[in-house]
């Protein structure tokens, strides 16, 4: 009989996709992204309308986004499988946050609860 893992990192190739930082406004968001570009060489690019990215590691929200302190996005290779796995263990997702790619495939969904002031979402984008 094959054993199944109870570790979502193993089951879903789970890893941090990016860290989200909440800025007060668009100008501050641009400055924060620019500082990460200077510090780490992560190219700044704008994602309309909500944010700037520094590379793919840092997302800076132009206005206060989810989470009191920001958010952490976790990549998973099977979003629906991961949602089912976490839901079976009592971790609820906020269905109103579900986002999709243009082809209709799932992109991301947030959990209902924050951890230490950070909203947490699962995503299929690296």
C-alpha atoms as a PDB file:
ATOM      1  CA  UNK A   1       0.000   0.000   0.000  1.00  0.00           C
ATOM      2  CA  UNK A   2       1.414   3.399  -0.997  1.00  0.00           C
ATOM      3  CA  UNK A   3       1.655   6.025   1.711  1.00  0.00           C
ATOM      4  CA  UNK A   4       0.256   9.470   1.062  1.00  0.00           C
ATOM      5  CA  UNK A   5       1.924  12.575   2.369  1.00  0.00           C
ATOM      6  CA  UNK A   6       0.235  14.832   4.895  1.00  0.00           C
ATOM      7  CA  UNK A   7       2.588  17.631   3.942  1.00  0.00           C
ATOM      8  CA  UNK A   8       1.137  20.212   1.523  1.00  0.00           C
ATOM      9  CA  UNK A   9       4.651  21.299   0.525  1.00  0.00           C
ATOM     10  CA  UNK A  10       5.275  17.813  -0.866  1.00  0.00           C
ATOM     11  CA  UNK A  11       1.753  17.226  -2.173  1.00  0.00           C
ATOM     12  CA  UNK A  12       1.408  20.469  -4.112  1.00  0.00           C
ATOM     13  CA  UNK A  13       5.019  21.594  -4.748  1.00  0.00           C
ATOM     14  CA  UNK A  14       4.126  24.453  -2.414  1.00  0.00           C
ATOM     15  CA  UNK A  15       6.527  27.368  -2.008  1.00  0.00           C
ATOM     16  CA  UNK A  16       6.391  31.100  -1.482  1.00  0.00           C
ATOM     17  CA  UNK A  17       5.421  32.801  -4.722  1.00  0.00           C
ATOM     18  CA  UNK A  18       5.709  36.354  -3.388  1.00  0.00           C
ATOM     19  CA  UNK A  19       5.341  38.607  -0.378  1.00  0.00           C
ATOM     20  CA  UNK A  20       2.791  41.411  -0.594  1.00  0.00           C
ATOM     21  CA  UNK A  21       3.384  44.795   1.027  1.00  0.00           C
ATOM     22  CA  UNK A  22       0.582  47.291   1.567  1.00  0.00           C
ATOM     23  CA  UNK A  23       1.432  50.869   0.610  1.00  0.00           C
ATOM     24  CA  UNK A  24      -0.620  53.949   1.416  1.00  0.00           C
ATOM     25  CA  UNK A  25      -0.831  55.103  -2.205  1.00  0.00           C
ATOM     26  CA  UNK A  26       0.496  54.597  -5.719  1.00  0.00           C
ATOM     27  CA  UNK A  27       3.486  56.880  -5.236  1.00  0.00           C
ATOM     28  CA  UNK A  28       4.641  55.078  -2.095  1.00  0.00           C
ATOM     29  CA  UNK A  29       4.109  51.706  -3.798  1.00  0.00           C
ATOM     30  CA  UNK A  30       6.312  52.758  -6.699  1.00  0.00           C
ATOM     31  CA  UNK A  31       9.024  53.961  -4.334  1.00  0.00           C
ATOM     32  CA  UNK A  32       8.976  50.686  -2.378  1.00  0.00           C
ATOM     33  CA  UNK A  33       9.206  48.606  -5.549  1.00  0.00           C
ATOM     34  CA  UNK A  34      12.054  50.838  -6.748  1.00  0.00           C
ATOM     35  CA  UNK A  35      13.954  50.274  -3.486  1.00  0.00           C
ATOM     36  CA  UNK A  36      13.693  46.498  -3.944  1.00  0.00           C
ATOM     37  CA  UNK A  37      14.925  46.937  -7.523  1.00  0.00           C
ATOM     38  CA  UNK A  38      17.927  48.862  -6.220  1.00  0.00           C
ATOM     39  CA  UNK A  39      18.580  46.495  -3.334  1.00  0.00           C
ATOM     40  CA  UNK A  40      18.182  43.179  -5.124  1.00  0.00           C
ATOM     41  CA  UNK A  41      18.166  43.963  -8.818  1.00  0.00           C
ATOM     42  CA  UNK A  42      14.520  42.883  -9.065  1.00  0.00           C
ATOM     43  CA  UNK A  43      13.055  44.737 -12.046  1.00  0.00           C
ATOM     44  CA  UNK A  44      10.103  46.951 -11.177  1.00  0.00           C
ATOM     45  CA  UNK A  45       6.987  46.492 -13.261  1.00  0.00           C
ATOM     46  CA  UNK A  46       3.434  47.670 -12.875  1.00  0.00           C
ATOM     47  CA  UNK A  47       0.440  45.363 -12.792  1.00  0.00           C
ATOM     48  CA  UNK A  48      -2.661  47.411 -13.495  1.00  0.00           C
ATOM     49  CA  UNK A  49      -4.513  48.428 -11.501  1.00  0.00           C
ATOM     50  CA  UNK A  50      -3.588  47.098  -8.086  1.00  0.00           C
ATOM     51  CA  UNK A  51       0.168  46.835  -7.712  1.00  0.00           C
ATOM     52  CA  UNK A  52       3.812  47.029  -8.648  1.00  0.00           C
ATOM     53  CA  UNK A  53       6.063  43.991  -8.601  1.00  0.00           C
ATOM     54  CA  UNK A  54       9.776  43.867  -7.893  1.00  0.00           C
ATOM     55  CA  UNK A  55      10.732  40.836  -9.946  1.00  0.00           C
ATOM     56  CA  UNK A  56       8.294  38.101  -9.038  1.00  0.00           C
ATOM     57  CA  UNK A  57       9.173  38.037  -5.330  1.00  0.00           C
ATOM     58  CA  UNK A  58       7.694  41.283  -4.002  1.00  0.00           C
ATOM     59  CA  UNK A  59       4.253  42.704  -4.749  1.00  0.00           C
ATOM     60  CA  UNK A  60       3.567  46.227  -3.523  1.00  0.00           C
ATOM     61  CA  UNK A  61      -0.101  47.124  -3.376  1.00  0.00           C
ATOM     62  CA  UNK A  62      -0.866  50.694  -4.476  1.00  0.00           C
ATOM     63  CA  UNK A  63      -3.472  51.022  -1.738  1.00  0.00           C
ATOM     64  CA  UNK A  64      -3.896  49.020   1.419  1.00  0.00           C
ATOM     65  CA  UNK A  65      -4.570  45.500   0.222  1.00  0.00           C
ATOM     66  CA  UNK A  66      -5.588  42.387   2.052  1.00  0.00           C
ATOM     67  CA  UNK A  67      -4.059  41.666   5.406  1.00  0.00           C
ATOM     68  CA  UNK A  68      -3.291  44.165   8.139  1.00  0.00           C
ATOM     69  CA  UNK A  69       0.422  43.897   7.320  1.00  0.00           C
ATOM     70  CA  UNK A  70       0.195  42.589   3.753  1.00  0.00           C
ATOM     71  CA  UNK A  71      -0.076  39.141   2.263  1.00  0.00           C
ATOM     72  CA  UNK A  72       1.923  36.051   1.412  1.00  0.00           C
ATOM     73  CA  UNK A  73       1.215  34.164  -1.791  1.00  0.00           C
ATOM     74  CA  UNK A  74       1.999  30.460  -1.905  1.00  0.00           C
ATOM     75  CA  UNK A  75       2.422  28.712  -5.248  1.00  0.00           C
ATOM     76  CA  UNK A  76       0.709  25.332  -5.610  1.00  0.00           C
ATOM     77  CA  UNK A  77       0.673  23.058  -8.645  1.00  0.00           C
ATOM     78  CA  UNK A  78      -2.998  22.120  -8.136  1.00  0.00           C
ATOM     79  CA  UNK A  79      -5.110  24.946  -6.741  1.00  0.00           C
ATOM     80  CA  UNK A  80      -8.361  23.004  -6.465  1.00  0.00           C
ATOM     81  CA  UNK A  81      -6.600  20.016  -4.914  1.00  0.00           C
ATOM     82  CA  UNK A  82      -4.865  22.255  -2.382  1.00  0.00           C
ATOM     83  CA  UNK A  83      -8.121  24.039  -1.517  1.00  0.00           C
ATOM     84  CA  UNK A  84      -9.805  20.674  -0.926  1.00  0.00           C
ATOM     85  CA  UNK A  85      -6.852  19.473   1.180  1.00  0.00           C
ATOM     86  CA  UNK A  86      -6.835  22.580   3.395  1.00  0.00           C
ATOM     87  CA  UNK A  87     -10.644  22.706   3.624  1.00  0.00           C
ATOM     88  CA  UNK A  88     -10.702  19.103   4.854  1.00  0.00           C
ATOM     89  CA  UNK A  89      -8.438  20.258   7.689  1.00  0.00           C
ATOM     90  CA  UNK A  90     -10.645  23.177   8.683  1.00  0.00           C
ATOM     91  CA  UNK A  91      -8.898  26.010   6.795  1.00  0.00           C
ATOM     92  CA  UNK A  92     -11.583  27.900   4.908  1.00  0.00           C
ATOM     93  CA  UNK A  93     -11.026  29.909   1.756  1.00  0.00           C
ATOM     94  CA  UNK A  94     -12.868  33.111   0.963  1.00  0.00           C
ATOM     95  CA  UNK A  95     -14.697  32.235  -2.248  1.00  0.00           C
ATOM     96  CA  UNK A  96     -15.294  35.932  -2.978  1.00  0.00           C
ATOM     97  CA  UNK A  97     -11.521  36.333  -3.552  1.00  0.00           C
ATOM     98  CA  UNK A  98     -11.253  33.662  -6.228  1.00  0.00           C
ATOM     99  CA  UNK A  99      -9.556  34.943  -9.393  1.00  0.00           C
ATOM    100  CA  UNK A 100      -9.196  33.277 -12.777  1.00  0.00           C
ATOM    101  CA  UNK A 101      -6.897  33.485 -15.764  1.00  0.00           C
ATOM    102  CA  UNK A 102      -8.370  34.611 -19.119  1.00  0.00           C
ATOM    103  CA  UNK A 103      -8.790  30.960 -20.163  1.00  0.00           C
ATOM    104  CA  UNK A 104     -10.983  30.339 -17.088  1.00  0.00           C
ATOM    105  CA  UNK A 105      -8.432  28.302 -15.168  1.00  0.00           C
ATOM    106  CA  UNK A 106      -7.973  29.180 -11.482  1.00  0.00           C
ATOM    107  CA  UNK A 107      -5.349  31.779 -10.565  1.00  0.00           C
ATOM    108  CA  UNK A 108      -5.674  32.389  -6.823  1.00  0.00           C
ATOM    109  CA  UNK A 109      -7.832  32.307  -3.722  1.00  0.00           C
ATOM    110  CA  UNK A 110      -7.307  33.728  -0.226  1.00  0.00           C
ATOM    111  CA  UNK A 111      -7.924  31.977   3.068  1.00  0.00           C
ATOM    112  CA  UNK A 112     -10.523  33.601   5.334  1.00  0.00           C
ATOM    113  CA  UNK A 113      -8.162  33.975   8.294  1.00  0.00           C
ATOM    114  CA  UNK A 114      -4.974  35.993   8.535  1.00  0.00           C
ATOM    115  CA  UNK A 115      -1.833  34.769  10.274  1.00  0.00           C
ATOM    116  CA  UNK A 116       0.100  37.386  12.271  1.00  0.00           C
ATOM    117  CA  UNK A 117      -1.590  40.160  10.272  1.00  0.00           C
ATOM    118  CA  UNK A 118      -0.832  38.610   6.885  1.00  0.00           C
ATOM    119  CA  UNK A 119      -3.524  37.471   4.491  1.00  0.00           C
ATOM    120  CA  UNK A 120      -2.552  34.178   2.861  1.00  0.00           C
ATOM    121  CA  UNK A 121      -3.407  33.116  -0.668  1.00  0.00           C
ATOM    122  CA  UNK A 122      -2.729  30.142  -2.870  1.00  0.00           C
ATOM    123  CA  UNK A 123      -1.811  30.790  -6.503  1.00  0.00           C
ATOM    124  CA  UNK A 124      -0.905  28.879  -9.629  1.00  0.00           C
ATOM    125  CA  UNK A 125       1.411  31.639 -10.871  1.00  0.00           C
ATOM    126  CA  UNK A 126       5.095  31.564  -9.957  1.00  0.00           C
END
